[in-house]
Every structure is written in structure tokens, then in C-alpha cells.
């Protein structure tokens, strides 16, 4: 095989492998996503569910007192 063909073969191999290596490296080095703790007034989906806020205080999933009665995280127990 001539030197020119060898160079083209090497270039083609590098071009084919580089994007895959780049994507794999980026996936391995990217930070892991963390969910933020809910706060009062954030929406929730299960009536009377409980969770903790960022300070360790208990929040309950209750309907809002006014308006459309949407479920939101609130301090103070189930209503």
C-alpha cells in the first residue's frame, strides 16, 4: 500500500472515531444532575404527600386556599 493511501486510511479512521470518542468522553465527564428540593408554593401532584425542604422542614401537598384549588407544597400539615 502506498504512503498516500495509508495516510488517507489513517485520516478516515481518525475522522470516524473522533466524534464517538468525544461524545463518550463528554458523557463521562459531564456533571450529574440533581433535583432541587421543593419550596412552599411549588406545584405537587399527590394530595397529602410529604417531603422535606432544603432546611429539612416538612412540606405537605395541599390544595391552595384561593383560586383553582391547585395542589402546592405548604408548611403546616394536611388540610
PDB file of N, CA and C in Angstrom:
ATOM      1  N   UNK A   1       0.844  -1.174   0.000  1.00  0.00           N
ATOM      2  CA  UNK A   1       0.000   0.000   0.000  1.00  0.00           C
ATOM      3  C   UNK A   1       0.894   1.243   0.000  1.00  0.00           C
ATOM      4  N   UNK A   2       0.538   2.191  -0.797  1.00  0.00           N
ATOM      5  CA  UNK A   2       1.370   3.384  -0.899  1.00  0.00           C
ATOM      6  C   UNK A   2       1.192   4.263   0.336  1.00  0.00           C
ATOM      7  N   UNK A   3       2.126   5.151   0.526  1.00  0.00           N
ATOM      8  CA  UNK A   3       2.101   6.061   1.672  1.00  0.00           C
ATOM      9  C   UNK A   3       0.867   6.960   1.617  1.00  0.00           C
ATOM     10  N   UNK A   4       0.508   7.369   0.421  1.00  0.00           N
ATOM     11  CA  UNK A   4      -0.655   8.242   0.264  1.00  0.00           C
ATOM     12  C   UNK A   4      -1.927   7.527   0.690  1.00  0.00           C
ATOM     13  N   UNK A   5      -2.102   6.282   0.272  1.00  0.00           N
ATOM     14  CA  UNK A   5      -3.297   5.510   0.663  1.00  0.00           C
ATOM     15  C   UNK A   5      -3.309   5.274   2.173  1.00  0.00           C
ATOM     16  N   UNK A   6      -2.137   5.020   2.730  1.00  0.00           N
ATOM     17  CA  UNK A   6      -2.034   4.795   4.170  1.00  0.00           C
ATOM     18  C   UNK A   6      -2.452   6.051   4.943  1.00  0.00           C
ATOM     19  N   UNK A   7      -2.029   7.208   4.457  1.00  0.00           N
ATOM     20  CA  UNK A   7      -2.414   8.466   5.098  1.00  0.00           C
ATOM     21  C   UNK A   7      -3.937   8.668   5.036  1.00  0.00           C
ATOM     22  N   UNK A   8      -4.526   8.418   3.889  1.00  0.00           N
ATOM     23  CA  UNK A   8      -5.979   8.567   3.747  1.00  0.00           C
ATOM     24  C   UNK A   8      -6.722   7.585   4.657  1.00  0.00           C
ATOM     25  N   UNK A   9      -6.222   6.374   4.755  1.00  0.00           N
ATOM     26  CA  UNK A   9      -6.845   5.373   5.622  1.00  0.00           C
ATOM     27  C   UNK A   9      -6.763   5.804   7.082  1.00  0.00           C
ATOM     28  N   UNK A  10      -5.603   6.335   7.475  1.00  0.00           N
ATOM     29  CA  UNK A  10      -5.431   6.816   8.839  1.00  0.00           C
ATOM     30  C   UNK A  10      -6.346   8.011   9.108  1.00  0.00           C
ATOM     31  N   UNK A  11      -6.402   8.929   8.178  1.00  0.00           N
ATOM     32  CA  UNK A  11      -7.257  10.102   8.320  1.00  0.00           C
ATOM     33  C   UNK A  11      -8.733   9.691   8.411  1.00  0.00           C
ATOM     34  N   UNK A  12      -9.153   8.765   7.592  1.00  0.00           N
ATOM     35  CA  UNK A  12     -10.538   8.294   7.631  1.00  0.00           C
ATOM     36  C   UNK A  12     -10.865   7.621   8.965  1.00  0.00           C
ATOM     37  N   UNK A  13      -9.923   6.849   9.490  1.00  0.00           N
ATOM     38  CA  UNK A  13     -10.125   6.185  10.783  1.00  0.00           C
ATOM     39  C   UNK A  13     -10.251   7.203  11.905  1.00  0.00           C
ATOM     40  N   UNK A  14      -9.371   8.185  11.931  1.00  0.00           N
ATOM     41  CA  UNK A  14      -9.416   9.228  12.963  1.00  0.00           C
ATOM     42  C   UNK A  14     -10.711  10.011  12.862  1.00  0.00           C
ATOM     43  N   UNK A  15     -11.129  10.347  11.653  1.00  0.00           N
ATOM     44  CA  UNK A  15     -12.364  11.106  11.455  1.00  0.00           C
ATOM     45  C   UNK A  15     -13.588  10.311  11.907  1.00  0.00           C
ATOM     46  N   UNK A  16     -13.550   9.012  11.731  1.00  0.00           N
ATOM     47  CA  UNK A  16     -14.688   8.178  12.119  1.00  0.00           C
ATOM     48  C   UNK A  16     -14.739   7.949  13.624  1.00  0.00           C
ATOM     49  N   UNK A  17     -13.593   7.831  14.270  1.00  0.00           N
ATOM     50  CA  UNK A  17     -13.526   7.502  15.694  1.00  0.00           C
ATOM     51  C   UNK A  17     -13.639   8.747  16.571  1.00  0.00           C
ATOM     52  N   UNK A  18     -13.151   9.883  16.137  1.00  0.00           N
ATOM     53  CA  UNK A  18     -13.110  11.087  16.964  1.00  0.00           C
ATOM     54  C   UNK A  18     -14.472  11.528  17.502  1.00  0.00           C
ATOM     55  N   UNK A  19     -15.528  11.618  16.688  1.00  0.00           N
ATOM     56  CA  UNK A  19     -16.812  12.045  17.241  1.00  0.00           C
ATOM     57  C   UNK A  19     -17.334  11.087  18.328  1.00  0.00           C
ATOM     58  N   UNK A  20     -17.168   9.806  18.128  1.00  0.00           N
ATOM     59  CA  UNK A  20     -17.625   8.842  19.129  1.00  0.00           C
ATOM     60  C   UNK A  20     -16.830   8.988  20.417  1.00  0.00           C
ATOM     61  N   UNK A  21     -15.521   9.170  20.306  1.00  0.00           N
ATOM     62  CA  UNK A  21     -14.685   9.351  21.488  1.00  0.00           C
ATOM     63  C   UNK A  21     -15.033  10.647  22.198  1.00  0.00           C
ATOM     64  N   UNK A  22     -15.295  11.683  21.447  1.00  0.00           N
ATOM     65  CA  UNK A  22     -15.663  12.967  22.029  1.00  0.00           C
ATOM     66  C   UNK A  22     -16.976  12.862  22.786  1.00  0.00           C
ATOM     67  N   UNK A  23     -17.977  12.235  22.198  1.00  0.00           N
ATOM     68  CA  UNK A  23     -19.272  12.082  22.862  1.00  0.00           C
ATOM     69  C   UNK A  23     -19.174  11.209  24.106  1.00  0.00           C
ATOM     70  N   UNK A  24     -18.413  10.134  24.028  1.00  0.00           N
ATOM     71  CA  UNK A  24     -18.247   9.257  25.185  1.00  0.00           C
ATOM     72  C   UNK A  24     -17.525   9.987  26.307  1.00  0.00           C
ATOM     73  N   UNK A  25     -16.482  10.716  25.980  1.00  0.00           N
ATOM     74  CA  UNK A  25     -15.748  11.478  26.987  1.00  0.00           C
ATOM     75  C   UNK A  25     -16.613  12.552  27.620  1.00  0.00           C
ATOM     76  N   UNK A  26     -17.406  13.240  26.815  1.00  0.00           N
ATOM     77  CA  UNK A  26     -18.283  14.288  27.347  1.00  0.00           C
ATOM     78  C   UNK A  26     -19.329  13.695  28.276  1.00  0.00           C
ATOM     79  N   UNK A  27     -19.855  12.541  27.924  1.00  0.00           N
ATOM     80  CA  UNK A  27     -20.862  11.902  28.779  1.00  0.00           C
ATOM     81  C   UNK A  27     -20.255  11.447  30.100  1.00  0.00           C
ATOM     82  N   UNK A  28     -19.030  10.971  30.063  1.00  0.00           N
ATOM     83  CA  UNK A  28     -18.388  10.502  31.289  1.00  0.00           C
ATOM     84  C   UNK A  28     -17.958  11.642  32.197  1.00  0.00           C
ATOM     85  N   UNK A  29     -17.628  12.783  31.625  1.00  0.00           N
ATOM     86  CA  UNK A  29     -17.111  13.900  32.409  1.00  0.00           C
ATOM     87  C   UNK A  29     -18.167  14.928  32.774  1.00  0.00           C
ATOM     88  N   UNK A  30     -19.369  14.831  32.205  1.00  0.00           N
ATOM     89  CA  UNK A  30     -20.395  15.824  32.497  1.00  0.00           C
ATOM     90  C   UNK A  30     -20.921  15.639  33.915  1.00  0.00           C
ATOM     91  N   UNK A  31     -21.307  16.730  34.563  1.00  0.00           N
ATOM     92  CA  UNK A  31     -21.803  16.624  35.940  1.00  0.00           C
ATOM     93  C   UNK A  31     -23.143  15.904  35.992  1.00  0.00           C
ATOM     94  N   UNK A  32     -23.405  15.282  37.115  1.00  0.00           N
ATOM     95  CA  UNK A  32     -24.664  14.573  37.320  1.00  0.00           C
ATOM     96  C   UNK A  32     -25.720  15.585  37.741  1.00  0.00           C
ATOM     97  N   UNK A  33     -26.889  15.491  37.169  1.00  0.00           N
ATOM     98  CA  UNK A  33     -27.985  16.404  37.520  1.00  0.00           C
ATOM     99  C   UNK A  33     -28.585  16.010  38.865  1.00  0.00           C
ATOM    100  N   UNK A  34     -28.884  17.006  39.663  1.00  0.00           N
ATOM    101  CA  UNK A  34     -29.528  16.779  40.947  1.00  0.00           C
ATOM    102  C   UNK A  34     -30.827  17.570  40.983  1.00  0.00           C
ATOM    103  N   UNK A  35     -31.862  16.964  41.510  1.00  0.00           N
ATOM    104  CA  UNK A  35     -33.142  17.661  41.629  1.00  0.00           C
ATOM    105  C   UNK A  35     -33.101  18.590  42.827  1.00  0.00           C
ATOM    106  N   UNK A  36     -33.669  19.763  42.673  1.00  0.00           N
ATOM    107  CA  UNK A  36     -33.757  20.696  43.787  1.00  0.00           C
ATOM    108  C   UNK A  36     -34.947  20.319  44.658  1.00  0.00           C
ATOM    109  N   UNK A  37     -34.806  20.503  45.958  1.00  0.00           N
ATOM    110  CA  UNK A  37     -35.915  20.252  46.884  1.00  0.00           C
ATOM    111  C   UNK A  37     -37.003  21.283  46.636  1.00  0.00           C
ATOM    112  N   UNK A  38     -38.266  20.898  46.760  1.00  0.00           N
ATOM    113  CA  UNK A  38     -39.341  21.860  46.533  1.00  0.00           C
ATOM    114  C   UNK A  38     -39.416  22.881  47.658  1.00  0.00           C
ATOM    115  N   UNK A  39     -40.044  23.985  47.372  1.00  0.00           N
ATOM    116  CA  UNK A  39     -40.278  25.021  48.370  1.00  0.00           C
ATOM    117  C   UNK A  39     -41.758  25.312  48.452  1.00  0.00           C
ATOM    118  N   UNK A  40     -42.190  26.059  49.443  1.00  0.00           N
ATOM    119  CA  UNK A  40     -43.602  26.404  49.569  1.00  0.00           C
ATOM    120  C   UNK A  40     -44.102  27.100  48.309  1.00  0.00           C
ATOM    121  N   UNK A  41     -45.245  26.668  47.825  1.00  0.00           N
ATOM    122  CA  UNK A  41     -45.827  27.248  46.626  1.00  0.00           C
ATOM    123  C   UNK A  41     -45.485  26.506  45.355  1.00  0.00           C
ATOM    124  N   UNK A  42     -44.491  25.627  45.374  1.00  0.00           N
ATOM    125  CA  UNK A  42     -44.185  24.812  44.192  1.00  0.00           C
ATOM    126  C   UNK A  42     -45.304  23.802  43.990  1.00  0.00           C
ATOM    127  N   UNK A  43     -45.600  23.473  42.749  1.00  0.00           N
ATOM    128  CA  UNK A  43     -46.686  22.541  42.473  1.00  0.00           C
ATOM    129  C   UNK A  43     -46.314  21.117  42.878  1.00  0.00           C
ATOM    130  N   UNK A  44     -47.328  20.332  43.238  1.00  0.00           N
ATOM    131  CA  UNK A  44     -47.157  18.916  43.567  1.00  0.00           C
ATOM    132  C   UNK A  44     -48.336  18.156  42.983  1.00  0.00           C
ATOM    133  N   UNK A  45     -48.312  16.827  43.029  1.00  0.00           N
ATOM    134  CA  UNK A  45     -49.329  16.052  42.319  1.00  0.00           C
ATOM    135  C   UNK A  45     -50.131  15.096  43.187  1.00  0.00           C
ATOM    136  N   UNK A  46     -49.711  14.805  44.409  1.00  0.00           N
ATOM    137  CA  UNK A  46     -50.409  13.807  45.236  1.00  0.00           C
ATOM    138  C   UNK A  46     -50.862  14.450  46.541  1.00  0.00           C
ATOM    139  N   UNK A  47     -52.164  14.565  46.721  1.00  0.00           N
ATOM    140  CA  UNK A  47     -52.755  15.190  47.901  1.00  0.00           C
ATOM    141  C   UNK A  47     -52.228  14.534  49.171  1.00  0.00           C
ATOM    142  N   UNK A  48     -51.807  15.351  50.131  1.00  0.00           N
ATOM    143  CA  UNK A  48     -51.288  14.947  51.443  1.00  0.00           C
ATOM    144  C   UNK A  48     -49.937  14.250  51.396  1.00  0.00           C
ATOM    145  N   UNK A  49     -49.250  14.285  50.259  1.00  0.00           N
ATOM    146  CA  UNK A  49     -47.884  13.753  50.208  1.00  0.00           C
ATOM    147  C   UNK A  49     -46.986  14.647  51.060  1.00  0.00           C
ATOM    148  N   UNK A  50     -45.878  14.117  51.548  1.00  0.00           N
ATOM    149  CA  UNK A  50     -44.936  14.920  52.329  1.00  0.00           C
ATOM    150  C   UNK A  50     -43.544  14.810  51.729  1.00  0.00           C
ATOM    151  N   UNK A  51     -42.737  15.828  52.002  1.00  0.00           N
ATOM    152  CA  UNK A  51     -41.338  15.843  51.603  1.00  0.00           C
ATOM    153  C   UNK A  51     -40.616  16.829  52.506  1.00  0.00           C
ATOM    154  N   UNK A  52     -39.326  16.963  52.337  1.00  0.00           N
ATOM    155  CA  UNK A  52     -38.523  17.902  53.128  1.00  0.00           C
ATOM    156  C   UNK A  52     -38.019  19.024  52.228  1.00  0.00           C
ATOM    157  N   UNK A  53     -37.949  20.242  52.776  1.00  0.00           N
ATOM    158  CA  UNK A  53     -37.362  21.347  52.027  1.00  0.00           C
ATOM    159  C   UNK A  53     -35.844  21.326  52.205  1.00  0.00           C
ATOM    160  N   UNK A  54     -35.147  22.320  51.692  1.00  0.00           N
ATOM    161  CA  UNK A  54     -33.681  22.335  51.756  1.00  0.00           C
ATOM    162  C   UNK A  54     -33.162  22.438  53.183  1.00  0.00           C
ATOM    163  N   UNK A  55     -33.988  22.909  54.106  1.00  0.00           N
ATOM    164  CA  UNK A  55     -33.587  23.034  55.505  1.00  0.00           C
ATOM    165  C   UNK A  55     -34.077  21.880  56.366  1.00  0.00           C
ATOM    166  N   UNK A  56     -34.670  20.865  55.739  1.00  0.00           N
ATOM    167  CA  UNK A  56     -35.129  19.700  56.485  1.00  0.00           C
ATOM    168  C   UNK A  56     -36.517  19.835  57.095  1.00  0.00           C
ATOM    169  N   UNK A  57     -37.217  20.918  56.804  1.00  0.00           N
ATOM    170  CA  UNK A  57     -38.571  21.101  57.334  1.00  0.00           C
ATOM    171  C   UNK A  57     -39.566  20.364  56.452  1.00  0.00           C
ATOM    172  N   UNK A  58     -40.612  19.833  57.066  1.00  0.00           N
ATOM    173  CA  UNK A  58     -41.610  19.044  56.338  1.00  0.00           C
ATOM    174  C   UNK A  58     -42.562  19.949  55.571  1.00  0.00           C
ATOM    175  N   UNK A  59     -42.820  19.564  54.334  1.00  0.00           N
ATOM    176  CA  UNK A  59     -43.820  20.219  53.487  1.00  0.00           C
ATOM    177  C   UNK A  59     -44.912  19.205  53.179  1.00  0.00           C
ATOM    178  N   UNK A  60     -46.158  19.678  53.087  1.00  0.00           N
ATOM    179  CA  UNK A  60     -47.286  18.825  52.724  1.00  0.00           C
ATOM    180  C   UNK A  60     -47.858  19.311  51.407  1.00  0.00           C
ATOM    181  N   UNK A  61     -48.383  18.393  50.638  1.00  0.00           N
ATOM    182  CA  UNK A  61     -49.030  18.718  49.366  1.00  0.00           C
ATOM    183  C   UNK A  61     -50.510  18.955  49.649  1.00  0.00           C
ATOM    184  N   UNK A  62     -50.933  20.208  49.605  1.00  0.00           N
ATOM    185  CA  UNK A  62     -52.315  20.593  49.904  1.00  0.00           C
ATOM    186  C   UNK A  62     -52.854  21.492  48.799  1.00  0.00           C
ATOM    187  N   UNK A  63     -54.173  21.578  48.688  1.00  0.00           N
ATOM    188  CA  UNK A  63     -54.755  22.498  47.702  1.00  0.00           C
ATOM    189  C   UNK A  63     -54.563  23.949  48.150  1.00  0.00           C
ATOM    190  N   UNK A  64     -54.470  24.839  47.178  1.00  0.00           N
ATOM    191  CA  UNK A  64     -54.392  26.260  47.511  1.00  0.00           C
ATOM    192  C   UNK A  64     -55.702  26.703  48.137  1.00  0.00           C
ATOM    193  N   UNK A  65     -55.641  27.738  48.944  1.00  0.00           N
ATOM    194  CA  UNK A  65     -56.837  28.232  49.635  1.00  0.00           C
ATOM    195  C   UNK A  65     -57.717  29.074  48.728  1.00  0.00           C
ATOM    196  N   UNK A  66     -57.142  29.663  47.706  1.00  0.00           N
ATOM    197  CA  UNK A  66     -57.923  30.524  46.809  1.00  0.00           C
ATOM    198  C   UNK A  66     -57.714  30.074  45.372  1.00  0.00           C
ATOM    199  N   UNK A  67     -58.529  30.548  44.515  1.00  0.00           N
ATOM    200  CA  UNK A  67     -58.353  30.278  43.090  1.00  0.00           C
ATOM    201  C   UNK A  67     -58.789  28.874  42.692  1.00  0.00           C
ATOM    202  N   UNK A  68     -57.976  28.247  41.889  1.00  0.00           N
ATOM    203  CA  UNK A  68     -58.346  26.984  41.240  1.00  0.00           C
ATOM    204  C   UNK A  68     -58.132  25.752  42.117  1.00  0.00           C
ATOM    205  N   UNK A  69     -57.751  25.922  43.384  1.00  0.00           N
ATOM    206  CA  UNK A  69     -57.522  24.784  44.277  1.00  0.00           C
ATOM    207  C   UNK A  69     -56.444  23.845  43.729  1.00  0.00           C
ATOM    208  N   UNK A  70     -55.386  24.414  43.198  1.00  0.00           N
ATOM    209  CA  UNK A  70     -54.268  23.615  42.702  1.00  0.00           C
ATOM    210  C   UNK A  70     -53.499  23.032  43.871  1.00  0.00           C
ATOM    211  N   UNK A  71     -52.825  21.910  43.670  1.00  0.00           N
ATOM    212  CA  UNK A  71     -52.010  21.304  44.722  1.00  0.00           C
ATOM    213  C   UNK A  71     -50.637  21.955  44.740  1.00  0.00           C
ATOM    214  N   UNK A  72     -50.226  22.432  45.919  1.00  0.00           N
ATOM    215  CA  UNK A  72     -48.916  23.056  46.082  1.00  0.00           C
ATOM    216  C   UNK A  72     -48.302  22.592  47.400  1.00  0.00           C
ATOM    217  N   UNK A  73     -46.966  22.681  47.490  1.00  0.00           N
ATOM    218  CA  UNK A  73     -46.267  22.350  48.730  1.00  0.00           C
ATOM    219  C   UNK A  73     -46.477  23.474  49.734  1.00  0.00           C
ATOM    220  N   UNK A  74     -46.846  23.094  50.974  1.00  0.00           N
ATOM    221  CA  UNK A  74     -47.111  24.065  52.031  1.00  0.00           C
ATOM    222  C   UNK A  74     -46.566  23.571  53.350  1.00  0.00           C
ATOM    223  N   UNK A  75     -46.218  24.510  54.223  1.00  0.00           N
ATOM    224  CA  UNK A  75     -45.875  24.150  55.597  1.00  0.00           C
ATOM    225  C   UNK A  75     -47.157  23.986  56.385  1.00  0.00           C
ATOM    226  N   UNK A  76     -47.182  23.189  57.363  1.00  0.00           N
ATOM    227  CA  UNK A  76     -48.324  23.044  58.254  1.00  0.00           C
ATOM    228  C   UNK A  76     -49.075  21.785  57.993  1.00  0.00           C
ATOM    229  N   UNK A  77     -49.442  20.887  58.192  1.00  0.00           N
ATOM    230  CA  UNK A  77     -49.994  19.571  57.917  1.00  0.00           C
ATOM    231  C   UNK A  77     -51.115  19.551  56.916  1.00  0.00           C
ATOM    232  N   UNK A  78     -51.703  18.427  56.735  1.00  0.00           N
ATOM    233  CA  UNK A  78     -52.786  18.278  55.761  1.00  0.00           C
ATOM    234  C   UNK A  78     -53.985  19.137  56.160  1.00  0.00           C
ATOM    235  N   UNK A  79     -54.679  19.652  55.193  1.00  0.00           N
ATOM    236  CA  UNK A  79     -55.886  20.431  55.484  1.00  0.00           C
ATOM    237  C   UNK A  79     -57.116  19.721  54.957  1.00  0.00           C
TER     238      UNK A  79
END
